[in-house]
Amino acid sequence: MPRKRSTDEGDELLARLGSLTAQARRRAQLQRTQVELAVALQRGMLPRDLPDAPGVHVAVRYTPANLGLNVGGDWYDAFTMPDGRIGLSIGDVQGHNIEAAAFMGQVRAGLRALASVTGEPGELLARTNDLLLSLGSELFATCTFMRLDPATGVLESARAGHIPFVWATADGKSGVVDDEGGPPLGIERGVEFPVTRHRLTTGGVFVLLTDGVVEGPSLNIEDGLDQVVRLAGIAAVAGLEAHALAAAVIKGAESVGHEDDAAVLVVGLDGPSTLA
């Protein structure tokens, strides 16, 4: 009799282990499916084509985070506006799930749609902010929007809680833009977003990025931005193409040990350059 009980208990234990294993496999498969869906959603919402204007070079790089369900809502965008100027945006939605990825698509689409009504960066961000608040979502997004005139090199920018961008010139100067920004989009009504003006002539570059590129467990944001400044400075002096600089910046993101998305957008003009 004791031997029989031992056999029955062993069979019951094996059955329980088999059930737990099956449950774990189902959860793992569900997690993989959710990650694949979120990544596909992210990539499907990013632009397929970039603006084409004489002398202007736009390059992008994007690496989604897919550690577990840590899938975020970083985005970039670049498009030709109705007046012929180029709109450039980059941003990051709060959260790391499918909802954040979907909200990212709403922000990007809203910016594009409203850019046909107003191209002034500060007003555009203010209207997008009101639009997002009307949706009733609890999420918010940081963003930088730029409007570049290819004919003059004049670039106007406004920031909504986003990290500042990096600049470099062909004469060896480089740095982080010190401008005044507003709060993230989707938090409070009636806010204003100051606009700053810069001038990009031939040989210079601007580098827009998300915090996954410059901040993580292995690197603080100040050191991360300094790293991008050095890369941009070398690229401008050496006359490297925009896509080569974008690739170098996203490669450098590996050193931050990030578990977040990483997005880079580089805009430059052919061959000395000044920032005004």
C-alpha atoms as a PDB file:
ATOM      1  CA  MET A   1       0.000   0.000   0.000  1.00  0.00           C
ATOM      2  CA  PRO A   2       2.668   2.641   0.831  1.00  0.00           C
ATOM      3  CA  ARG A   3       4.309   1.993  -2.520  1.00  0.00           C
ATOM      4  CA  LYS A   4       0.980   2.639  -4.238  1.00  0.00           C
ATOM      5  CA  ARG A   5       0.524   5.965  -2.429  1.00  0.00           C
ATOM      6  CA  SER A   6       4.045   6.987  -3.421  1.00  0.00           C
ATOM      7  CA  THR A   7       3.314   6.243  -7.058  1.00  0.00           C
ATOM      8  CA  ASP A   8       0.024   8.182  -6.961  1.00  0.00           C
ATOM      9  CA  GLU A   9       1.695  11.191  -5.333  1.00  0.00           C
ATOM     10  CA  GLY A  10       4.450  11.122  -7.944  1.00  0.00           C
ATOM     11  CA  ASP A  11       1.929  11.023 -10.768  1.00  0.00           C
ATOM     12  CA  GLU A  12       0.017  13.955  -9.232  1.00  0.00           C
ATOM     13  CA  LEU A  13       3.234  15.957  -8.882  1.00  0.00           C
ATOM     14  CA  LEU A  14       4.157  15.318 -12.516  1.00  0.00           C
ATOM     15  CA  ALA A  15       0.687  16.367 -13.616  1.00  0.00           C
ATOM     16  CA  ARG A  16       0.952  19.638 -11.667  1.00  0.00           C
ATOM     17  CA  LEU A  17       4.392  20.342 -13.096  1.00  0.00           C
ATOM     18  CA  GLY A  18       3.082  19.669 -16.593  1.00  0.00           C
ATOM     19  CA  SER A  19       0.176  22.068 -16.042  1.00  0.00           C
ATOM     20  CA  LEU A  20       2.489  24.796 -14.718  1.00  0.00           C
ATOM     21  CA  THR A  21       4.848  24.319 -17.665  1.00  0.00           C
ATOM     22  CA  ALA A  22       1.979  24.617 -20.133  1.00  0.00           C
ATOM     23  CA  GLN A  23       0.768  27.809 -18.430  1.00  0.00           C
ATOM     24  CA  ALA A  24       4.273  29.296 -18.545  1.00  0.00           C
ATOM     25  CA  ARG A  25       4.540  28.487 -22.242  1.00  0.00           C
ATOM     26  CA  ARG A  26       1.175  30.114 -22.954  1.00  0.00           C
ATOM     27  CA  ARG A  27       2.205  33.273 -21.044  1.00  0.00           C
ATOM     28  CA  ALA A  28       5.537  33.416 -22.876  1.00  0.00           C
ATOM     29  CA  GLN A  29       3.815  33.023 -26.236  1.00  0.00           C
ATOM     30  CA  LEU A  30       1.294  35.736 -25.355  1.00  0.00           C
ATOM     31  CA  GLN A  31       4.124  38.043 -24.318  1.00  0.00           C
ATOM     32  CA  ARG A  32       6.030  37.413 -27.552  1.00  0.00           C
ATOM     33  CA  THR A  33       2.868  38.068 -29.548  1.00  0.00           C
ATOM     34  CA  GLN A  34       2.220  41.346 -27.725  1.00  0.00           C
ATOM     35  CA  VAL A  35       5.797  42.514 -28.245  1.00  0.00           C
ATOM     36  CA  GLU A  36       5.713  41.617 -31.933  1.00  0.00           C
ATOM     37  CA  LEU A  37       2.396  43.439 -32.315  1.00  0.00           C
ATOM     38  CA  ALA A  38       3.681  46.565 -30.570  1.00  0.00           C
ATOM     39  CA  VAL A  39       6.902  46.637 -32.597  1.00  0.00           C
ATOM     40  CA  ALA A  40       4.946  46.150 -35.835  1.00  0.00           C
ATOM     41  CA  LEU A  41       2.582  48.933 -34.754  1.00  0.00           C
ATOM     42  CA  GLN A  42       5.512  51.245 -34.065  1.00  0.00           C
ATOM     43  CA  ARG A  43       7.260  50.567 -37.335  1.00  0.00           C
ATOM     44  CA  GLY A  44       4.037  50.824 -39.312  1.00  0.00           C
ATOM     45  CA  MET A  45       3.406  54.313 -37.979  1.00  0.00           C
ATOM     46  CA  LEU A  46       6.854  55.671 -38.802  1.00  0.00           C
ATOM     47  CA  PRO A  47       7.274  57.478 -42.157  1.00  0.00           C
ATOM     48  CA  ARG A  48       8.335  55.407 -45.140  1.00  0.00           C
ATOM     49  CA  ASP A  49       9.720  58.340 -47.138  1.00  0.00           C
ATOM     50  CA  LEU A  50      11.794  61.372 -46.168  1.00  0.00           C
ATOM     51  CA  PRO A  51      11.665  64.851 -47.741  1.00  0.00           C
ATOM     52  CA  ASP A  52      13.776  65.480 -50.815  1.00  0.00           C
ATOM     53  CA  ALA A  53      14.991  69.076 -51.217  1.00  0.00           C
ATOM     54  CA  PRO A  54      18.137  70.360 -52.975  1.00  0.00           C
ATOM     55  CA  GLY A  55      21.083  70.337 -50.606  1.00  0.00           C
ATOM     56  CA  VAL A  56      19.090  69.071 -47.636  1.00  0.00           C
ATOM     57  CA  HIS A  57      19.929  65.692 -46.144  1.00  0.00           C
ATOM     58  CA  VAL A  58      17.655  64.000 -43.626  1.00  0.00           C
ATOM     59  CA  ALA A  59      18.645  60.696 -42.052  1.00  0.00           C
ATOM     60  CA  VAL A  60      16.960  58.643 -39.332  1.00  0.00           C
ATOM     61  CA  ARG A  61      17.686  55.619 -37.209  1.00  0.00           C
ATOM     62  CA  TYR A  62      15.316  53.829 -34.852  1.00  0.00           C
ATOM     63  CA  THR A  63      15.799  50.910 -32.483  1.00  0.00           C
ATOM     64  CA  PRO A  64      12.730  49.672 -30.573  1.00  0.00           C
ATOM     65  CA  ALA A  65      13.077  48.372 -27.056  1.00  0.00           C
ATOM     66  CA  ASN A  66      11.677  44.881 -26.754  1.00  0.00           C
ATOM     67  CA  LEU A  67      12.881  43.610 -23.407  1.00  0.00           C
ATOM     68  CA  GLY A  68       9.848  41.815 -22.061  1.00  0.00           C
ATOM     69  CA  LEU A  69       6.885  44.123 -22.626  1.00  0.00           C
ATOM     70  CA  ASN A  70       9.079  47.223 -22.396  1.00  0.00           C
ATOM     71  CA  VAL A  71       7.936  48.565 -25.761  1.00  0.00           C
ATOM     72  CA  GLY A  72       7.734  52.325 -25.837  1.00  0.00           C
ATOM     73  CA  GLY A  73       6.357  55.079 -28.010  1.00  0.00           C
ATOM     74  CA  ASP A  74       9.323  56.933 -29.503  1.00  0.00           C
ATOM     75  CA  TRP A  75       8.802  58.378 -32.971  1.00  0.00           C
ATOM     76  CA  TYR A  76      10.368  60.590 -35.604  1.00  0.00           C
ATOM     77  CA  ASP A  77       8.841  62.289 -38.610  1.00  0.00           C
ATOM     78  CA  ALA A  78       9.960  64.431 -41.534  1.00  0.00           C
ATOM     79  CA  PHE A  79       7.705  65.777 -44.264  1.00  0.00           C
ATOM     80  CA  THR A  80       7.283  68.609 -46.761  1.00  0.00           C
ATOM     81  CA  MET A  81       4.821  71.232 -45.578  1.00  0.00           C
ATOM     82  CA  PRO A  82       2.298  73.020 -47.842  1.00  0.00           C
ATOM     83  CA  ASP A  83       4.556  76.097 -48.164  1.00  0.00           C
ATOM     84  CA  GLY A  84       7.556  74.006 -49.245  1.00  0.00           C
ATOM     85  CA  ARG A  85       9.343  74.126 -45.922  1.00  0.00           C
ATOM     86  CA  ILE A  86      10.285  70.896 -44.138  1.00  0.00           C
ATOM     87  CA  GLY A  87       8.667  69.774 -40.903  1.00  0.00           C
ATOM     88  CA  LEU A  88      10.765  67.677 -38.545  1.00  0.00           C
ATOM     89  CA  SER A  89       9.567  66.106 -35.312  1.00  0.00           C
ATOM     90  CA  ILE A  90      10.784  63.660 -32.741  1.00  0.00           C
ATOM     91  CA  GLY A  91       9.187  62.584 -29.492  1.00  0.00           C
ATOM     92  CA  ASP A  92       8.563  60.075 -26.775  1.00  0.00           C
ATOM     93  CA  VAL A  93       5.279  58.887 -25.255  1.00  0.00           C
ATOM     94  CA  GLN A  94       5.115  58.074 -21.551  1.00  0.00           C
ATOM     95  CA  GLY A  95       4.776  54.362 -20.908  1.00  0.00           C
ATOM     96  CA  HIS A  96       6.105  51.115 -22.350  1.00  0.00           C
ATOM     97  CA  ASN A  97       3.248  49.076 -23.763  1.00  0.00           C
ATOM     98  CA  ILE A  98       0.966  48.722 -26.745  1.00  0.00           C
ATOM     99  CA  GLU A  99      -1.143  51.651 -25.538  1.00  0.00           C
ATOM    100  CA  ALA A 100       1.929  53.910 -25.642  1.00  0.00           C
ATOM    101  CA  ALA A 101       2.740  52.755 -29.167  1.00  0.00           C
ATOM    102  CA  ALA A 102      -0.829  53.496 -30.294  1.00  0.00           C
ATOM    103  CA  PHE A 103      -0.821  56.911 -28.615  1.00  0.00           C
ATOM    104  CA  MET A 104       2.440  57.664 -30.432  1.00  0.00           C
ATOM    105  CA  GLY A 105       0.597  57.192 -33.704  1.00  0.00           C
ATOM    106  CA  GLN A 106      -2.088  59.646 -32.615  1.00  0.00           C
ATOM    107  CA  VAL A 107       0.492  62.297 -31.706  1.00  0.00           C
ATOM    108  CA  ARG A 108       2.400  61.927 -34.946  1.00  0.00           C
ATOM    109  CA  ALA A 109      -0.759  61.956 -37.053  1.00  0.00           C
ATOM    110  CA  GLY A 110      -2.075  64.967 -35.146  1.00  0.00           C
ATOM    111  CA  LEU A 111       1.113  66.926 -35.748  1.00  0.00           C
ATOM    112  CA  ARG A 112       1.025  66.174 -39.465  1.00  0.00           C
ATOM    113  CA  ALA A 113      -2.634  67.078 -39.818  1.00  0.00           C
ATOM    114  CA  LEU A 114      -2.353  70.325 -37.884  1.00  0.00           C
ATOM    115  CA  ALA A 115       0.790  71.300 -39.827  1.00  0.00           C
ATOM    116  CA  SER A 116      -1.485  71.857 -42.814  1.00  0.00           C
ATOM    117  CA  VAL A 117      -3.305  74.501 -40.750  1.00  0.00           C
ATOM    118  CA  THR A 118      -0.330  76.181 -39.083  1.00  0.00           C
ATOM    119  CA  GLY A 119       3.370  75.569 -39.580  1.00  0.00           C
ATOM    120  CA  GLU A 120       4.553  77.863 -36.796  1.00  0.00           C
ATOM    121  CA  PRO A 121       6.177  75.431 -34.333  1.00  0.00           C
ATOM    122  CA  GLY A 122       4.894  77.000 -31.114  1.00  0.00           C
ATOM    123  CA  GLU A 123       1.309  77.250 -32.293  1.00  0.00           C
ATOM    124  CA  LEU A 124       1.484  73.769 -33.786  1.00  0.00           C
ATOM    125  CA  LEU A 125       2.523  72.252 -30.465  1.00  0.00           C
ATOM    126  CA  ALA A 126      -0.163  74.232 -28.634  1.00  0.00           C
ATOM    127  CA  ARG A 127      -2.878  72.939 -30.968  1.00  0.00           C
ATOM    128  CA  THR A 128      -1.564  69.393 -30.730  1.00  0.00           C
ATOM    129  CA  ASN A 129      -1.601  69.716 -26.953  1.00  0.00           C
ATOM    130  CA  ASP A 130      -5.266  70.757 -27.029  1.00  0.00           C
ATOM    131  CA  LEU A 131      -6.073  67.883 -29.387  1.00  0.00           C
ATOM    132  CA  LEU A 132      -4.475  65.292 -27.123  1.00  0.00           C
ATOM    133  CA  LEU A 133      -6.263  66.661 -24.073  1.00  0.00           C
ATOM    134  CA  SER A 134      -9.575  66.357 -25.919  1.00  0.00           C
ATOM    135  CA  LEU A 135      -8.929  62.633 -26.419  1.00  0.00           C
ATOM    136  CA  GLY A 136      -9.081  62.075 -22.675  1.00  0.00           C
ATOM    137  CA  SER A 137      -6.031  59.844 -22.476  1.00  0.00           C
ATOM    138  CA  GLU A 138      -3.960  59.667 -19.311  1.00  0.00           C
ATOM    139  CA  LEU A 139      -0.773  59.456 -21.369  1.00  0.00           C
ATOM    140  CA  PHE A 140       1.453  62.376 -22.314  1.00  0.00           C
ATOM    141  CA  ALA A 141       4.263  62.922 -24.778  1.00  0.00           C
ATOM    142  CA  THR A 142       7.423  64.970 -25.089  1.00  0.00           C
ATOM    143  CA  CYS A 143       8.216  66.411 -28.490  1.00  0.00           C
ATOM    144  CA  THR A 144      10.436  68.723 -30.510  1.00  0.00           C
ATOM    145  CA  PHE A 145       9.087  70.222 -33.717  1.00  0.00           C
ATOM    146  CA  MET A 146      11.201  72.101 -36.277  1.00  0.00           C
ATOM    147  CA  ARG A 147      10.376  73.990 -39.442  1.00  0.00           C
ATOM    148  CA  LEU A 148      13.262  74.311 -41.895  1.00  0.00           C
ATOM    149  CA  ASP A 149      13.342  76.606 -44.919  1.00  0.00           C
ATOM    150  CA  PRO A 150      15.651  74.862 -47.418  1.00  0.00           C
ATOM    151  CA  ALA A 151      16.146  78.071 -49.410  1.00  0.00           C
ATOM    152  CA  THR A 152      17.491  80.165 -46.521  1.00  0.00           C
ATOM    153  CA  GLY A 153      18.604  77.572 -43.951  1.00  0.00           C
ATOM    154  CA  VAL A 154      16.404  79.281 -41.335  1.00  0.00           C
ATOM    155  CA  LEU A 155      15.176  76.753 -38.815  1.00  0.00           C
ATOM    156  CA  GLU A 156      12.524  77.457 -36.186  1.00  0.00           C
ATOM    157  CA  SER A 157      11.993  75.058 -33.315  1.00  0.00           C
ATOM    158  CA  ALA A 158       9.800  74.528 -30.256  1.00  0.00           C
ATOM    159  CA  ARG A 159      10.071  71.904 -27.524  1.00  0.00           C
ATOM    160  CA  ALA A 160       7.435  70.281 -25.320  1.00  0.00           C
ATOM    161  CA  GLY A 161       9.289  68.707 -22.417  1.00  0.00           C
ATOM    162  CA  HIS A 162      11.727  66.980 -24.748  1.00  0.00           C
ATOM    163  CA  ILE A 163      15.503  66.810 -24.381  1.00  0.00           C
ATOM    164  CA  PRO A 164      17.386  69.538 -26.316  1.00  0.00           C
ATOM    165  CA  PHE A 165      18.974  68.828 -29.668  1.00  0.00           C
ATOM    166  CA  VAL A 166      22.627  68.938 -30.704  1.00  0.00           C
ATOM    167  CA  TRP A 167      24.267  71.123 -33.352  1.00  0.00           C
ATOM    168  CA  ALA A 168      27.652  71.187 -35.050  1.00  0.00           C
ATOM    169  CA  THR A 169      29.302  73.316 -37.723  1.00  0.00           C
ATOM    170  CA  ALA A 170      31.955  72.636 -40.322  1.00  0.00           C
ATOM    171  CA  ASP A 171      34.384  75.037 -38.609  1.00  0.00           C
ATOM    172  CA  GLY A 172      34.616  72.781 -35.553  1.00  0.00           C
ATOM    173  CA  LYS A 173      32.003  74.294 -33.250  1.00  0.00           C
ATOM    174  CA  SER A 174      29.368  72.103 -31.603  1.00  0.00           C
ATOM    175  CA  GLY A 175      27.092  72.002 -28.609  1.00  0.00           C
ATOM    176  CA  VAL A 176      23.644  71.454 -27.137  1.00  0.00           C
ATOM    177  CA  VAL A 177      20.997  74.029 -28.005  1.00  0.00           C
ATOM    178  CA  ASP A 178      20.105  76.113 -24.953  1.00  0.00           C
ATOM    179  CA  ASP A 179      16.521  77.129 -25.620  1.00  0.00           C
ATOM    180  CA  GLU A 180      13.396  77.532 -23.539  1.00  0.00           C
ATOM    181  CA  GLY A 181      10.862  74.744 -23.802  1.00  0.00           C
ATOM    182  CA  GLY A 182       7.309  74.167 -22.641  1.00  0.00           C
ATOM    183  CA  PRO A 183       5.719  71.266 -20.725  1.00  0.00           C
ATOM    184  CA  PRO A 184       4.991  67.869 -22.292  1.00  0.00           C
ATOM    185  CA  LEU A 185       1.934  67.520 -24.510  1.00  0.00           C
ATOM    186  CA  GLY A 186      -1.283  66.286 -22.955  1.00  0.00           C
ATOM    187  CA  ILE A 187      -0.831  67.553 -19.390  1.00  0.00           C
ATOM    188  CA  GLU A 188      -2.333  71.039 -19.077  1.00  0.00           C
ATOM    189  CA  ARG A 189      -4.361  73.429 -21.188  1.00  0.00           C
ATOM    190  CA  GLY A 190      -3.515  76.916 -22.342  1.00  0.00           C
ATOM    191  CA  VAL A 191       0.270  76.558 -22.318  1.00  0.00           C
ATOM    192  CA  GLU A 192       2.646  78.315 -24.699  1.00  0.00           C
ATOM    193  CA  PHE A 193       5.691  76.876 -26.418  1.00  0.00           C
ATOM    194  CA  PRO A 194       8.482  79.402 -27.106  1.00  0.00           C
ATOM    195  CA  VAL A 195      10.022  79.357 -30.578  1.00  0.00           C
ATOM    196  CA  THR A 196      13.736  79.776 -31.227  1.00  0.00           C
ATOM    197  CA  ARG A 197      15.362  80.548 -34.570  1.00  0.00           C
ATOM    198  CA  HIS A 198      18.606  79.119 -35.889  1.00  0.00           C
ATOM    199  CA  ARG A 199      20.357  79.265 -39.213  1.00  0.00           C
ATOM    200  CA  LEU A 200      21.872  76.185 -40.773  1.00  0.00           C
ATOM    201  CA  THR A 201      24.128  76.793 -43.737  1.00  0.00           C
ATOM    202  CA  THR A 202      26.151  74.277 -45.683  1.00  0.00           C
ATOM    203  CA  GLY A 203      28.201  71.815 -43.703  1.00  0.00           C
ATOM    204  CA  GLY A 204      26.289  72.074 -40.439  1.00  0.00           C
ATOM    205  CA  VAL A 205      24.084  69.479 -38.800  1.00  0.00           C
ATOM    206  CA  PHE A 206      21.328  69.299 -36.240  1.00  0.00           C
ATOM    207  CA  VAL A 207      20.782  66.062 -34.342  1.00  0.00           C
ATOM    208  CA  LEU A 208      17.402  65.372 -32.760  1.00  0.00           C
ATOM    209  CA  LEU A 209      17.108  62.356 -30.483  1.00  0.00           C
ATOM    210  CA  THR A 210      15.117  60.652 -27.755  1.00  0.00           C
ATOM    211  CA  ASP A 211      16.404  60.002 -24.261  1.00  0.00           C
ATOM    212  CA  GLY A 212      16.953  56.299 -24.971  1.00  0.00           C
ATOM    213  CA  VAL A 213      19.958  57.403 -27.038  1.00  0.00           C
ATOM    214  CA  VAL A 214      21.678  59.338 -24.272  1.00  0.00           C
ATOM    215  CA  GLU A 215      20.367  58.126 -20.923  1.00  0.00           C
ATOM    216  CA  GLY A 216      20.294  54.742 -19.240  1.00  0.00           C
ATOM    217  CA  PRO A 217      21.668  52.601 -16.427  1.00  0.00           C
ATOM    218  CA  SER A 218      25.235  52.966 -17.722  1.00  0.00           C
ATOM    219  CA  LEU A 219      25.239  56.667 -18.670  1.00  0.00           C
ATOM    220  CA  ASN A 220      23.643  59.858 -17.371  1.00  0.00           C
ATOM    221  CA  ILE A 221      21.996  62.269 -19.777  1.00  0.00           C
ATOM    222  CA  GLU A 222      24.699  64.955 -19.575  1.00  0.00           C
ATOM    223  CA  ASP A 223      27.469  62.533 -20.530  1.00  0.00           C
ATOM    224  CA  GLY A 224      25.229  61.000 -23.183  1.00  0.00           C
ATOM    225  CA  LEU A 225      24.601  64.392 -24.804  1.00  0.00           C
ATOM    226  CA  ASP A 226      28.337  65.165 -24.660  1.00  0.00           C
ATOM    227  CA  GLN A 227      28.960  61.922 -26.530  1.00  0.00           C
ATOM    228  CA  VAL A 228      26.565  62.995 -29.310  1.00  0.00           C
ATOM    229  CA  VAL A 229      28.121  66.476 -29.419  1.00  0.00           C
ATOM    230  CA  ARG A 230      31.540  64.927 -30.037  1.00  0.00           C
ATOM    231  CA  LEU A 231      30.195  62.678 -32.777  1.00  0.00           C
ATOM    232  CA  ALA A 232      28.356  65.547 -34.465  1.00  0.00           C
ATOM    233  CA  GLY A 233      31.434  67.773 -34.302  1.00  0.00           C
ATOM    234  CA  ILE A 234      33.646  65.138 -35.895  1.00  0.00           C
ATOM    235  CA  ALA A 235      31.075  64.437 -38.597  1.00  0.00           C
ATOM    236  CA  ALA A 236      30.636  68.117 -39.513  1.00  0.00           C
ATOM    237  CA  VAL A 237      34.366  68.807 -39.739  1.00  0.00           C
ATOM    238  CA  ALA A 238      34.997  65.622 -41.717  1.00  0.00           C
ATOM    239  CA  GLY A 239      32.067  66.252 -44.034  1.00  0.00           C
ATOM    240  CA  LEU A 240      30.427  62.908 -43.252  1.00  0.00           C
ATOM    241  CA  GLU A 241      27.000  62.261 -44.716  1.00  0.00           C
ATOM    242  CA  ALA A 242      23.921  62.580 -42.525  1.00  0.00           C
ATOM    243  CA  HIS A 243      23.156  58.856 -42.602  1.00  0.00           C
ATOM    244  CA  ALA A 244      26.695  58.045 -41.396  1.00  0.00           C
ATOM    245  CA  LEU A 245      26.269  60.378 -38.431  1.00  0.00           C
ATOM    246  CA  ALA A 246      22.831  58.950 -37.617  1.00  0.00           C
ATOM    247  CA  ALA A 247      24.282  55.432 -37.674  1.00  0.00           C
ATOM    248  CA  ALA A 248      27.150  56.459 -35.383  1.00  0.00           C
ATOM    249  CA  VAL A 249      24.792  58.114 -32.889  1.00  0.00           C
ATOM    250  CA  ILE A 250      22.439  55.118 -32.683  1.00  0.00           C
ATOM    251  CA  LYS A 251      25.467  52.837 -32.332  1.00  0.00           C
ATOM    252  CA  GLY A 252      26.642  54.971 -29.418  1.00  0.00           C
ATOM    253  CA  ALA A 253      23.280  54.399 -27.746  1.00  0.00           C
ATOM    254  CA  GLU A 254      24.435  50.860 -26.969  1.00  0.00           C
ATOM    255  CA  SER A 255      26.772  52.276 -24.305  1.00  0.00           C
ATOM    256  CA  VAL A 256      23.920  53.654 -22.180  1.00  0.00           C
ATOM    257  CA  GLY A 257      22.585  50.179 -21.443  1.00  0.00           C
ATOM    258  CA  HIS A 258      19.081  51.420 -22.208  1.00  0.00           C
ATOM    259  CA  GLU A 259      15.880  49.406 -22.054  1.00  0.00           C
ATOM    260  CA  ASP A 260      13.989  52.134 -23.879  1.00  0.00           C
ATOM    261  CA  ASP A 261      13.407  52.986 -27.522  1.00  0.00           C
ATOM    262  CA  ALA A 262      16.123  54.972 -29.275  1.00  0.00           C
ATOM    263  CA  ALA A 263      15.410  57.345 -32.157  1.00  0.00           C
ATOM    264  CA  VAL A 264      17.734  59.712 -34.023  1.00  0.00           C
ATOM    265  CA  LEU A 265      16.973  62.289 -36.707  1.00  0.00           C
ATOM    266  CA  VAL A 266      19.793  64.177 -38.421  1.00  0.00           C
ATOM    267  CA  VAL A 267      19.348  67.120 -40.795  1.00  0.00           C
ATOM    268  CA  GLY A 268      22.222  68.780 -42.610  1.00  0.00           C
ATOM    269  CA  LEU A 269      23.138  70.824 -45.670  1.00  0.00           C
ATOM    270  CA  ASP A 270      25.830  70.204 -48.236  1.00  0.00           C
ATOM    271  CA  GLY A 271      29.626  71.176 -47.534  1.00  0.00           C
ATOM    272  CA  PRO A 272      31.209  76.016 -43.679  1.00  0.00           C
ATOM    273  CA  SER A 273      28.234  76.344 -41.450  1.00  0.00           C
ATOM    274  CA  THR A 274      27.009  78.707 -38.780  1.00  0.00           C
ATOM    275  CA  LEU A 275      24.453  78.577 -36.021  1.00  0.00           C
ATOM    276  CA  ALA A 276      22.751  81.908 -35.335  1.00  0.00           C
END
